Amino acid sequence: MIRKMLLAMTLGLTTAAMAATPEKTALADLPHVAFPAPHRVASGRLQASDMAALKRAGIREVIDLSVDNETPDFDEAAAMHTAGIRYRNLPIHGAQDLTRAHVAQFDQWLIDAGDRPTLVHCASSNRVGAMIALRAALIDGQPADAAVAEGRRWGLKSLEPAVRQRLDDWTTH
């Protein structure tokens, strides 16, 4: 009997903990969306139609790792400004832009965001995950495998070999 009660209590607590927060509910339709850390959301490409969801979710800052020509019909900076959301853009074209300097800039912006709800995005969240993995290793001192695992939680996919190569190069030189 006690076992059944404990099981029921555990299931109830687990279900309550997994319940969708208003933030998750508001942003559920974003492409490749993840909620990898408190006050942080990772996603794929934003569209003008996503602005209402960002406002409902309480997003106060957006860090965009996309290149402007990826969304020629959407002026994201202007849309964020109009919505009262702080906007920062660090264009990462691909593996060639995974540099120490970009990681340092990215880290500073995350620090500056503090505990303000912040969305970090690119087209598919792959570049987001790559930058998070590099940051985890370079700034937080995590071993390569742990850093890559953290990057995957944020969306790292096809850039994983480039991230591993950077980490190998940066730790052996």
Protein backbone atom coordinates (compact mmCIF):
# COMPACT_ATOMS: atom_id res chain seq x y z
CA MET A 1 0.00 0.00 0.00
CA ILE A 2 2.77 2.44 0.93
CA ARG A 3 4.61 1.57 -2.28
CA LYS A 4 1.52 2.40 -4.33
CA MET A 5 1.10 5.71 -2.52
CA LEU A 6 4.76 6.62 -3.05
CA LEU A 7 4.51 5.66 -6.73
CA ALA A 8 1.38 7.77 -7.16
CA MET A 9 3.03 10.73 -5.41
CA THR A 10 6.16 10.39 -7.55
CA LEU A 11 4.12 10.22 -10.75
CA GLY A 12 2.10 13.23 -9.67
CA LEU A 13 5.20 15.29 -8.94
CA THR A 14 6.83 14.21 -12.21
CA THR A 15 3.73 15.12 -14.19
CA ALA A 16 3.51 18.51 -12.50
CA ALA A 17 7.19 19.19 -13.17
CA MET A 18 6.80 18.26 -16.83
CA ALA A 19 3.69 20.41 -17.35
CA ALA A 20 4.07 23.01 -20.03
CA THR A 21 4.91 26.45 -18.73
CA PRO A 22 3.25 29.47 -20.33
CA GLU A 23 6.60 30.17 -22.03
CA LYS A 24 6.76 26.67 -23.50
CA THR A 25 3.13 26.79 -24.58
CA ALA A 26 3.57 30.18 -26.28
CA LEU A 27 6.71 29.11 -28.14
CA ALA A 28 5.78 25.50 -28.93
CA ASP A 29 5.29 26.23 -32.64
CA LEU A 30 8.76 27.70 -33.21
CA PRO A 31 10.94 25.45 -35.37
CA HIS A 32 13.52 23.34 -33.53
CA VAL A 33 12.54 24.91 -30.20
CA ALA A 34 14.27 23.80 -27.00
CA PHE A 35 14.29 25.08 -23.44
CA PRO A 36 17.81 24.05 -22.43
CA ALA A 37 18.42 26.36 -19.46
CA PRO A 38 16.52 28.68 -17.15
CA HIS A 39 15.57 31.91 -18.92
CA ARG A 40 16.90 30.55 -22.22
CA VAL A 41 15.19 29.31 -25.35
CA ALA A 42 16.90 27.98 -28.47
CA SER A 43 15.11 27.83 -31.79
CA GLY A 44 15.33 27.83 -35.52
CA ARG A 45 14.47 30.68 -37.85
CA LEU A 46 11.97 33.29 -36.72
CA GLN A 47 9.26 34.77 -38.90
CA ALA A 48 7.27 37.97 -38.53
CA SER A 49 4.32 35.83 -37.43
CA ASP A 50 6.33 34.66 -34.38
CA MET A 51 6.43 38.11 -32.77
CA ALA A 52 3.17 37.69 -30.85
CA ALA A 53 4.38 34.37 -29.41
CA LEU A 54 7.66 35.95 -28.29
CA LYS A 55 5.74 38.70 -26.51
CA ARG A 56 3.34 36.19 -24.87
CA ALA A 57 6.32 34.16 -23.67
CA GLY A 58 7.91 37.22 -22.13
CA ILE A 59 11.04 37.09 -24.27
CA ARG A 60 13.02 40.24 -23.52
CA GLU A 61 16.10 39.61 -25.66
CA VAL A 62 16.94 37.82 -28.90
CA ILE A 63 20.41 36.76 -29.98
CA ASP A 64 20.34 35.96 -33.68
CA LEU A 65 23.20 33.93 -35.16
CA SER A 66 21.76 34.15 -38.68
CA VAL A 67 23.14 36.06 -41.61
CA ASP A 68 20.87 38.87 -42.85
CA ASN A 69 20.44 37.40 -46.34
CA GLU A 70 18.89 34.25 -44.84
CA THR A 71 15.64 36.16 -44.28
CA PRO A 72 15.47 38.80 -47.03
CA ASP A 73 11.72 39.36 -46.50
CA PHE A 74 11.92 39.83 -42.72
CA ASP A 75 13.76 42.67 -41.00
CA GLU A 76 14.17 40.95 -37.66
CA ALA A 77 16.05 43.81 -36.05
CA ALA A 78 13.25 46.26 -36.85
CA ALA A 79 10.55 43.82 -35.72
CA MET A 80 12.29 43.28 -32.38
CA HIS A 81 12.79 47.00 -31.89
CA THR A 82 9.10 47.64 -32.56
CA ALA A 83 8.16 44.88 -30.09
CA GLY A 84 10.45 46.29 -27.40
CA ILE A 85 12.70 43.22 -27.46
CA ARG A 86 16.45 43.76 -27.32
CA TYR A 87 18.06 42.39 -30.47
CA ARG A 88 21.64 41.35 -31.08
CA ASN A 89 23.04 39.74 -34.20
CA LEU A 90 26.25 37.74 -34.45
CA PRO A 91 26.26 36.38 -38.01
CA ILE A 92 27.69 32.87 -38.08
CA HIS A 93 27.84 31.71 -41.71
CA GLY A 94 29.11 28.26 -40.82
CA ALA A 95 32.12 26.42 -39.43
CA GLN A 96 34.54 29.14 -40.56
CA ASP A 97 32.91 31.58 -38.13
CA LEU A 98 33.25 29.33 -35.09
CA THR A 99 36.08 31.42 -33.70
CA ARG A 100 37.36 32.21 -30.23
CA ALA A 101 36.43 35.85 -30.76
CA HIS A 102 32.84 34.97 -31.66
CA VAL A 103 32.58 32.64 -28.67
CA ALA A 104 33.80 35.45 -26.40
CA GLN A 105 31.26 37.89 -27.88
CA PHE A 106 28.47 35.33 -27.58
CA ASP A 107 29.42 34.61 -23.96
CA GLN A 108 29.37 38.32 -23.11
CA TRP A 109 25.90 38.73 -24.60
CA LEU A 110 24.60 35.78 -22.58
CA ILE A 111 26.14 37.29 -19.45
CA ASP A 112 24.61 40.67 -20.29
CA ALA A 113 21.19 39.02 -20.69
CA GLY A 114 21.37 37.87 -17.09
CA ASP A 115 18.10 36.25 -16.12
CA ARG A 116 16.03 38.08 -18.73
CA PRO A 117 14.14 35.55 -20.87
CA THR A 118 16.35 35.27 -23.94
CA LEU A 119 15.83 33.43 -27.20
CA VAL A 120 18.94 32.38 -29.16
CA HIS A 121 18.38 31.25 -32.72
CA CYS A 122 19.66 30.62 -36.22
CA ALA A 123 17.99 28.73 -39.06
CA SER A 124 17.85 25.33 -37.34
CA SER A 125 19.52 25.89 -33.93
CA ASN A 126 22.61 24.04 -35.21
CA ARG A 127 24.84 27.14 -34.99
CA VAL A 128 23.33 27.91 -31.60
CA GLY A 129 24.36 24.48 -30.35
CA ALA A 130 27.82 24.85 -31.88
CA MET A 131 28.41 28.15 -30.10
CA ILE A 132 27.06 26.76 -26.82
CA ALA A 133 29.36 23.73 -27.07
CA LEU A 134 32.41 25.90 -27.75
CA ARG A 135 31.42 28.23 -24.91
CA ALA A 136 30.95 25.29 -22.54
CA ALA A 137 34.49 24.12 -23.28
CA LEU A 138 36.33 27.44 -23.57
CA ILE A 139 34.56 29.50 -20.94
CA ASP A 140 33.15 26.91 -18.53
CA GLY A 141 36.07 24.48 -18.86
CA GLN A 142 33.94 21.44 -19.67
CA PRO A 143 35.64 18.46 -21.32
CA ALA A 144 34.93 18.09 -25.04
CA ASP A 145 32.34 15.30 -24.71
CA ALA A 146 30.38 17.18 -22.05
CA ALA A 147 30.57 20.41 -24.06
CA VAL A 148 29.28 18.66 -27.19
CA ALA A 149 26.47 17.05 -25.19
CA GLU A 150 25.48 20.51 -23.94
CA GLY A 151 25.59 21.80 -27.52
CA ARG A 152 23.26 19.01 -28.62
CA ARG A 153 20.73 20.05 -25.97
CA TRP A 154 20.68 23.47 -27.65
CA GLY A 155 20.44 22.12 -31.22
CA LEU A 156 23.93 21.08 -32.37
CA LYS A 157 23.74 18.66 -35.28
CA SER A 158 25.77 18.83 -38.49
CA LEU A 159 28.38 21.24 -37.09
CA GLU A 160 29.44 18.71 -34.45
CA PRO A 161 32.53 17.53 -36.41
CA ALA A 162 33.68 21.16 -36.82
CA VAL A 163 33.10 21.82 -33.12
CA ARG A 164 35.09 18.73 -32.15
CA GLN A 165 37.89 19.79 -34.50
CA ARG A 166 37.99 23.29 -32.99
CA LEU A 167 38.06 21.88 -29.48
CA ASP A 168 40.85 19.49 -30.42
CA ASP A 169 42.86 22.26 -32.14
CA TRP A 170 42.33 24.75 -29.32
CA THR A 171 43.31 22.35 -26.55
CA THR A 172 46.42 20.95 -28.28
CA HIS A 173 47.89 24.28 -29.41
